[in-house]
Amino acid sequence: MKIGILTGGGDVPGLNPCIRSITLNADDNGWEVVGFKRGWQGVLEIDPDDPASIAANSVSLTRDGVRGIDRMGGTILHTSRLDPRTIADGDKTTQVLHTLQRVGVDAMVTLGGDGTLRFSAHLSRQGFPVISIPKTMDNDVFGTDYCIGFSTAVSRSVEAINALRTTVGSHERIGIIELFGRRSGETALLAGFLAQVDRTVIAEVPADLDVLLPLLARDKEESGSNYAMCVISEGATIRGEGNGDDTMRSLPGSEREDISVSRRLGRAIKQRLGFGTVIQELAYLMRAGEPDAMDRMVGLAFGALAVQLLARNEHARMVALKDGNYCHVPIGTLEESAKLVDVSGLYDPSTYRAKLMRVEGMPMFLY
């Protein structure tokens, strides 16, 4: 058997351990593995009749070739966000299928987030064998409790938040740390909780400045060091005064697009409270560097499970973690709904804080 691997969407730590695991487990079965570069873009750029084109957009993955990559962040296969169905000159699904068949690939293992995995499900419905593996530091793929990259993103965020306390405290300001998470606030919620910040604003719950700002002012006054810390999701909304409009949100195509929500919150703090702020958008630093222990473990396990499914001739599945157990679900599960923070169980909107309403009986992955 010859299996293909690709990584699509944003890079996250843990992809390389997964690539290594797939390669080693496939090699144990005597299978050949080829990695396609730059996600689906690399597949589309291959001309099956041109060996140079194949060499430029794919790489043979061997046991020796993947030695040590588990210690590296990012993806050795590079990545893109291209969906073959959204090309300007038309849907390229047929071209993808033709290329895979011509280069001799019997099955695909795809590592990606929402976009990559949606096309994987689409490809599977065309009859091509596909196993998908969820990765995103936002942890927002429906159908799994955990996605590769989430733990490292949270760990990086907690480290940065605690490091910033020295500057925020020294200058007696309010620190505002913006974390990735346009649709889901899980990264902000868990990072804020573990760093024990004063307030956390998540994407799922619009914040009222008339409530949030007095709370931050009180936090600053009562901290003992005259500073306060607030974490905010990049997709957070903050109601405008008096009109109920989410005027603080960074919306694509709007005149506010170039001003992040954290900077708008900082401006409101300055105008209404008169306090100075330290604003830090962690952005790509959240996904930079080597994977932590959790993402190495999950990456290795997801990769092994994907190969085991192929060995059993089980296709059209997405590997997953549910209630702390490794499992697999139908590949199209992520299309059924959106994965958001369980506000009723994990968040108190009146105080803008994580709140563990229930713990007993829950799996280790509280989020």
Protein backbone atom coordinates (compact mmCIF):
# COMPACT_ATOMS: atom_id res chain seq x y z
CA MET A 1 0.00 0.00 0.00
CA LYS A 2 1.09 3.55 -0.69
CA ILE A 3 -0.35 6.23 1.56
CA GLY A 4 -0.14 9.98 1.17
CA ILE A 5 0.15 12.55 3.96
CA LEU A 6 -0.42 16.30 3.89
CA THR A 7 -0.79 19.13 6.39
CA GLY A 8 -3.11 22.05 5.73
CA GLY A 9 -4.17 25.26 7.44
CA GLY A 10 -2.13 26.95 10.15
CA ASP A 11 0.91 25.15 11.50
CA VAL A 12 0.86 23.89 15.08
CA PRO A 13 3.35 22.05 17.30
CA GLY A 14 2.64 18.33 17.20
CA LEU A 15 2.30 17.91 13.45
CA ASN A 16 5.81 16.52 13.02
CA PRO A 17 5.41 13.88 15.76
CA CYS A 18 2.23 12.80 13.98
CA ILE A 19 4.00 12.64 10.60
CA ARG A 20 6.76 10.58 12.18
CA SER A 21 4.25 8.23 13.80
CA ILE A 22 2.36 7.65 10.56
CA THR A 23 5.60 6.98 8.71
CA LEU A 24 7.00 4.53 11.27
CA ASN A 25 3.75 2.61 11.70
CA ALA A 26 3.25 2.41 7.95
CA ASP A 27 6.83 1.21 7.52
CA ASP A 28 6.18 -1.53 10.08
CA ASN A 29 3.44 -2.74 7.73
CA GLY A 30 5.75 -2.62 4.73
CA TRP A 31 3.88 0.33 3.22
CA GLU A 32 5.28 3.25 1.23
CA VAL A 33 4.58 6.81 2.41
CA VAL A 34 4.66 10.01 0.39
CA GLY A 35 4.24 13.47 1.84
CA PHE A 36 2.62 16.17 -0.29
CA LYS A 37 4.03 19.66 0.24
CA ARG A 38 1.91 22.70 1.06
CA GLY A 39 -1.32 20.83 1.66
CA TRP A 40 -3.81 20.45 -1.17
CA GLN A 41 -1.91 23.12 -3.09
CA GLY A 42 0.99 20.73 -3.55
CA VAL A 43 -1.32 18.05 -4.93
CA LEU A 44 -2.80 20.50 -7.43
CA GLU A 45 0.64 21.66 -8.58
CA ILE A 46 1.70 18.15 -9.56
CA ASP A 47 1.69 17.14 -13.19
CA PRO A 48 1.70 13.32 -13.02
CA ASP A 49 3.51 13.17 -16.38
CA ASP A 50 6.34 15.43 -15.16
CA PRO A 51 8.82 13.79 -12.73
CA ALA A 52 10.27 17.21 -11.86
CA SER A 53 6.82 18.44 -10.87
CA ILE A 54 6.29 15.41 -8.65
CA ALA A 55 9.70 15.88 -7.01
CA ALA A 56 9.03 19.58 -6.36
CA ASN A 57 5.70 19.00 -4.65
CA SER A 58 6.13 15.72 -2.79
CA VAL A 59 8.70 13.84 -0.76
CA SER A 60 9.22 10.18 0.09
CA LEU A 61 8.91 9.69 3.84
CA THR A 62 11.16 6.98 5.28
CA ARG A 63 12.11 5.80 8.72
CA ASP A 64 15.50 7.49 8.48
CA GLY A 65 14.03 10.60 6.89
CA VAL A 66 11.71 11.36 9.81
CA ARG A 67 14.29 10.74 12.51
CA GLY A 68 14.20 13.53 15.07
CA ILE A 69 11.37 15.55 13.53
CA ASP A 70 9.18 14.88 16.58
CA ARG A 71 11.26 17.45 18.46
CA MET A 72 10.52 20.15 15.88
CA GLY A 73 7.59 22.54 15.73
CA GLY A 74 5.64 23.40 12.59
CA THR A 75 5.45 20.92 9.73
CA ILE A 76 8.25 19.59 7.56
CA LEU A 77 5.70 19.26 4.75
CA HIS A 78 4.88 22.98 4.82
CA THR A 79 1.27 24.07 4.57
CA SER A 80 -1.36 26.16 2.82
CA ARG A 81 -5.02 27.00 3.37
CA LEU A 82 -6.11 26.13 -0.16
CA ASP A 83 -9.39 24.29 -0.69
CA PRO A 84 -9.48 22.73 -4.19
CA ARG A 85 -13.20 23.49 -4.43
CA THR A 86 -12.66 27.24 -4.21
CA ILE A 87 -10.18 27.81 -7.04
CA ALA A 88 -11.02 30.81 -9.23
CA ASP A 89 -11.42 28.73 -12.38
CA GLY A 90 -13.57 26.05 -10.77
CA ASP A 91 -13.74 23.02 -8.49
CA LYS A 92 -10.56 20.93 -8.80
CA THR A 93 -11.76 17.83 -6.96
CA THR A 94 -11.53 15.75 -10.12
CA GLN A 95 -7.95 16.91 -10.67
CA VAL A 96 -7.01 15.94 -7.10
CA LEU A 97 -8.46 12.47 -7.57
CA HIS A 98 -6.72 12.07 -10.93
CA THR A 99 -3.35 13.11 -9.50
CA LEU A 100 -3.58 10.81 -6.48
CA GLN A 101 -4.48 7.87 -8.67
CA ARG A 102 -1.78 8.59 -11.22
CA VAL A 103 0.99 8.82 -8.61
CA GLY A 104 -0.18 5.54 -7.10
CA VAL A 105 -1.58 6.72 -3.75
CA ASP A 106 -4.02 4.18 -2.30
CA ALA A 107 -5.19 6.21 0.71
CA MET A 108 -4.70 9.66 2.24
CA VAL A 109 -4.07 10.72 5.82
CA THR A 110 -4.77 14.45 6.17
CA LEU A 111 -3.76 16.62 9.11
CA GLY A 112 -5.65 19.86 9.37
CA GLY A 113 -8.29 22.11 10.81
CA ASP A 114 -11.79 22.94 9.66
CA GLY A 115 -11.00 23.77 6.02
CA THR A 116 -8.59 20.92 5.34
CA LEU A 117 -10.82 18.36 7.01
CA ARG A 118 -13.96 19.52 5.23
CA PHE A 119 -12.31 18.87 1.88
CA SER A 120 -11.04 15.55 3.24
CA ALA A 121 -14.64 14.59 4.01
CA HIS A 122 -15.66 15.73 0.54
CA LEU A 123 -12.91 13.63 -1.04
CA SER A 124 -13.99 10.65 1.01
CA ARG A 125 -17.55 11.01 -0.29
CA GLN A 126 -16.13 10.68 -3.80
CA GLY A 127 -15.01 7.19 -2.84
CA PHE A 128 -11.32 7.82 -2.14
CA PRO A 129 -9.99 6.27 1.11
CA VAL A 130 -9.21 9.05 3.62
CA ILE A 131 -8.42 9.21 7.34
CA SER A 132 -8.37 12.71 8.82
CA ILE A 133 -6.53 13.97 11.88
CA PRO A 134 -7.74 17.15 13.65
CA LYS A 135 -5.24 19.86 14.49
CA THR A 136 -5.83 23.44 15.51
CA MET A 137 -4.59 25.45 18.46
CA ASP A 138 -8.13 26.85 18.85
CA ASN A 139 -9.38 23.30 19.59
CA ASP A 140 -12.56 24.06 17.67
CA VAL A 141 -13.06 20.97 15.47
CA PHE A 142 -16.47 19.48 16.24
CA GLY A 143 -16.38 15.74 16.99
CA THR A 144 -13.25 15.62 19.14
CA ASP A 145 -12.45 16.94 22.59
CA TYR A 146 -8.86 17.59 21.59
CA CYS A 147 -6.94 18.78 18.52
CA ILE A 148 -3.17 18.62 18.03
CA GLY A 149 -1.57 21.94 18.95
CA PHE A 150 -3.97 23.07 21.64
CA SER A 151 -1.92 22.14 24.69
CA THR A 152 1.24 23.81 23.42
CA ALA A 153 -0.70 26.97 22.52
CA VAL A 154 -2.11 27.12 26.04
CA SER A 155 1.30 26.42 27.60
CA ARG A 156 2.95 29.16 25.52
CA SER A 157 0.17 31.56 26.45
CA VAL A 158 0.40 30.87 30.17
CA GLU A 159 4.17 31.39 30.11
CA ALA A 160 3.81 34.69 28.26
CA ILE A 161 1.01 35.96 30.49
CA ASN A 162 2.98 35.27 33.65
CA ALA A 163 6.12 36.81 32.18
CA LEU A 164 4.21 39.97 31.27
CA ARG A 165 3.14 40.42 34.89
CA THR A 166 6.57 41.84 35.68
CA THR A 167 6.20 44.73 33.24
CA VAL A 168 2.50 45.31 33.88
CA GLY A 169 3.09 45.32 37.63
CA SER A 170 6.17 47.52 37.44
CA HIS A 171 4.23 50.20 35.57
CA GLU A 172 1.01 49.72 37.57
CA ARG A 173 -1.12 49.25 34.48
CA ILE A 174 -3.78 46.91 33.17
CA GLY A 175 -2.38 44.15 30.99
CA ILE A 176 -4.45 43.01 28.02
CA ILE A 177 -3.31 39.82 26.31
CA GLU A 178 -5.05 38.84 23.07
CA LEU A 179 -5.00 35.19 22.07
CA PHE A 180 -5.98 33.52 18.81
CA GLY A 181 -9.53 32.18 18.73
CA ARG A 182 -11.89 33.84 16.27
CA ARG A 183 -14.84 31.48 16.74
CA SER A 184 -14.03 29.65 19.97
CA GLY A 185 -12.69 31.09 23.21
CA GLU A 186 -11.28 27.83 24.58
CA THR A 187 -7.64 28.89 24.28
CA ALA A 188 -8.29 32.16 26.09
CA LEU A 189 -10.50 30.51 28.69
CA LEU A 190 -8.02 27.81 29.67
CA ALA A 191 -4.93 30.03 29.44
CA GLY A 192 -6.63 32.70 31.53
CA PHE A 193 -7.71 30.14 34.08
CA LEU A 194 -4.30 28.46 34.38
CA ALA A 195 -2.51 31.82 34.58
CA GLN A 196 -5.15 32.95 37.09
CA VAL A 197 -5.68 36.30 35.40
CA ASP A 198 -8.27 38.69 36.77
CA ARG A 199 -10.71 38.61 33.86
CA THR A 200 -11.09 36.63 30.64
CA VAL A 201 -13.23 37.72 27.70
CA ILE A 202 -14.13 34.85 25.35
CA ALA A 203 -15.54 34.85 21.83
CA GLU A 204 -18.82 33.23 22.88
CA VAL A 205 -19.96 35.93 25.34
CA PRO A 206 -20.13 39.63 24.39
CA ALA A 207 -18.64 41.78 27.12
CA ASP A 208 -20.37 44.80 28.60
CA LEU A 209 -17.88 47.60 29.27
CA ASP A 210 -20.12 49.00 31.99
CA VAL A 211 -19.50 45.75 33.88
CA LEU A 212 -16.02 44.71 32.75
CA LEU A 213 -14.20 48.02 33.25
CA PRO A 214 -15.30 48.55 36.88
CA LEU A 215 -14.25 44.98 37.63
CA LEU A 216 -10.78 45.61 36.18
CA ALA A 217 -10.50 48.86 38.12
CA ARG A 218 -11.33 46.99 41.31
CA ASP A 219 -8.88 44.20 40.44
CA LYS A 220 -6.14 46.77 39.98
CA GLU A 221 -6.91 48.46 43.27
CA GLU A 222 -7.13 45.26 45.28
CA SER A 223 -4.21 43.39 43.69
CA GLY A 224 -1.63 44.57 46.21
CA SER A 225 0.67 45.64 43.37
CA ASN A 226 -1.75 48.04 41.67
CA TYR A 227 -2.11 46.16 38.40
CA ALA A 228 -4.60 43.82 36.73
CA MET A 229 -4.48 41.24 33.94
CA CYS A 230 -7.12 40.55 31.30
CA VAL A 231 -7.06 37.89 28.55
CA ILE A 232 -9.25 38.35 25.51
CA SER A 233 -10.05 36.18 22.48
CA GLU A 234 -9.36 37.74 19.08
CA GLY A 235 -12.97 37.01 18.14
CA ALA A 236 -14.44 38.64 21.24
CA THR A 237 -17.21 41.21 20.95
CA ILE A 238 -17.72 44.14 23.27
CA ARG A 239 -21.04 45.92 23.30
CA GLY A 240 -21.03 49.59 22.46
CA GLU A 241 -22.49 51.96 25.02
CA GLY A 242 -26.18 52.54 24.80
CA ASN A 243 -26.88 50.86 21.44
CA GLY A 244 -26.24 47.18 22.07
CA ASP A 245 -24.05 47.04 18.99
CA ASP A 246 -20.86 44.98 19.05
CA THR A 247 -18.86 48.01 17.98
CA MET A 248 -15.58 46.81 19.40
CA ARG A 249 -15.25 43.70 17.25
CA SER A 250 -12.61 43.38 14.54
CA LEU A 251 -14.72 42.50 11.52
CA PRO A 252 -13.21 41.59 8.14
CA GLY A 253 -13.84 44.35 5.64
CA SER A 254 -14.83 46.91 8.25
CA GLU A 255 -13.13 50.19 8.98
CA ARG A 256 -12.03 48.69 12.30
CA GLU A 257 -10.38 45.66 10.71
CA ASP A 258 -6.84 46.93 11.26
CA ILE A 259 -7.39 47.65 14.96
CA SER A 260 -7.44 44.53 17.10
CA VAL A 261 -10.07 43.99 19.76
CA SER A 262 -7.37 44.15 22.46
CA ARG A 263 -6.32 47.62 21.31
CA ARG A 264 -9.92 48.79 21.26
CA LEU A 265 -10.36 47.50 24.79
CA GLY A 266 -7.16 49.29 25.80
CA ARG A 267 -8.43 52.52 24.30
CA ALA A 268 -11.69 52.20 26.25
CA ILE A 269 -9.75 51.62 29.48
CA LYS A 270 -7.66 54.73 28.87
CA GLN A 271 -10.67 56.89 27.99
CA ARG A 272 -13.04 55.71 30.71
CA LEU A 273 -10.73 54.72 33.55
CA GLY A 274 -7.69 56.83 32.84
CA PHE A 275 -5.35 53.88 33.37
CA GLY A 276 -2.36 53.01 31.23
CA THR A 277 -2.28 49.61 29.60
CA VAL A 278 0.19 47.02 28.32
CA ILE A 279 -1.30 45.38 25.24
CA GLN A 280 0.20 42.18 23.87
CA GLU A 281 -1.12 40.17 20.92
CA LEU A 282 0.61 36.80 21.25
CA ALA A 283 -0.54 35.75 17.79
CA TYR A 284 1.91 33.38 16.06
CA LEU A 285 4.08 32.98 19.16
CA MET A 286 1.31 30.72 20.46
CA ARG A 287 2.07 28.19 17.73
CA ALA A 288 5.82 28.69 17.54
CA GLY A 289 8.51 26.31 18.74
CA GLU A 290 8.59 22.66 19.67
CA PRO A 291 5.52 20.75 20.93
CA ASP A 292 4.95 20.14 24.61
CA ALA A 293 4.56 16.65 26.07
CA MET A 294 0.81 16.52 25.50
CA ASP A 295 0.99 17.41 21.82
CA ARG A 296 3.83 14.95 21.25
CA MET A 297 1.78 12.22 22.89
CA VAL A 298 -1.45 12.99 21.04
CA GLY A 299 0.39 13.46 17.73
CA LEU A 300 2.10 10.08 18.07
CA ALA A 301 -1.12 8.35 19.14
CA PHE A 302 -3.31 9.93 16.43
CA GLY A 303 -0.77 8.93 13.78
CA ALA A 304 -0.64 5.32 15.00
CA LEU A 305 -4.43 5.10 15.16
CA ALA A 306 -4.75 6.41 11.59
CA VAL A 307 -2.49 3.63 10.28
CA GLN A 308 -4.30 1.01 12.36
CA LEU A 309 -7.59 2.07 10.79
CA LEU A 310 -6.13 1.75 7.30
CA ALA A 311 -4.73 -1.67 8.17
CA ARG A 312 -8.26 -2.76 9.11
CA ASN A 313 -9.54 -1.30 5.84
CA GLU A 314 -11.60 1.28 7.73
CA HIS A 315 -11.82 4.53 5.81
CA ALA A 316 -13.85 7.74 6.01
CA ARG A 317 -12.96 8.24 9.69
CA MET A 318 -11.60 11.11 11.74
CA VAL A 319 -9.43 10.13 14.71
CA ALA A 320 -10.52 11.79 17.93
CA LEU A 321 -10.33 12.02 21.70
CA LYS A 322 -13.65 11.72 23.50
CA ASP A 323 -14.01 11.74 27.29
CA GLY A 324 -10.27 11.11 27.60
CA ASN A 325 -10.27 8.08 25.29
CA TYR A 326 -8.82 7.70 21.80
CA CYS A 327 -11.46 6.80 19.24
CA HIS A 328 -12.65 7.63 15.74
CA VAL A 329 -15.80 9.17 14.31
CA PRO A 330 -17.27 9.52 10.80
CA ILE A 331 -15.07 11.82 8.74
CA GLY A 332 -17.90 14.28 8.14
CA THR A 333 -18.70 14.74 11.83
CA LEU A 334 -17.01 18.15 11.98
CA GLU A 335 -19.55 19.46 9.45
CA GLU A 336 -22.48 18.72 11.73
CA SER A 337 -22.04 21.55 14.21
CA ALA A 338 -19.65 24.12 15.71
CA LYS A 339 -17.49 23.40 18.75
CA LEU A 340 -17.69 26.24 21.26
CA VAL A 341 -17.00 26.76 24.95
CA ASP A 342 -19.53 25.16 27.28
CA VAL A 343 -20.38 28.50 28.87
CA SER A 344 -22.89 27.09 31.35
CA GLY A 345 -20.35 24.63 32.74
CA LEU A 346 -17.04 26.44 32.43
CA TYR A 347 -17.58 30.20 32.40
CA ASP A 348 -19.27 32.86 34.52
CA PRO A 349 -20.36 35.66 32.16
CA SER A 350 -21.19 38.00 35.04
CA THR A 351 -17.60 38.03 36.29
CA TYR A 352 -15.70 37.18 33.06
CA ARG A 353 -13.93 34.29 34.70
CA ALA A 354 -13.54 30.56 34.18
CA LYS A 355 -15.71 28.69 36.64
CA LEU A 356 -15.62 24.94 37.07
CA MET A 357 -19.27 24.29 37.80
CA ARG A 358 -18.68 20.56 37.86
CA VAL A 359 -15.49 18.50 38.12
CA GLU A 360 -16.33 15.07 39.55
CA GLY A 361 -16.76 12.53 36.78
CA MET A 362 -15.29 14.74 34.09
CA PRO A 363 -12.35 13.53 31.97
CA MET A 364 -8.95 15.14 32.40
CA PHE A 365 -9.68 17.43 29.44
CA LEU A 366 -11.93 19.80 31.38
CA TYR A 367 -12.43 21.93 28.32
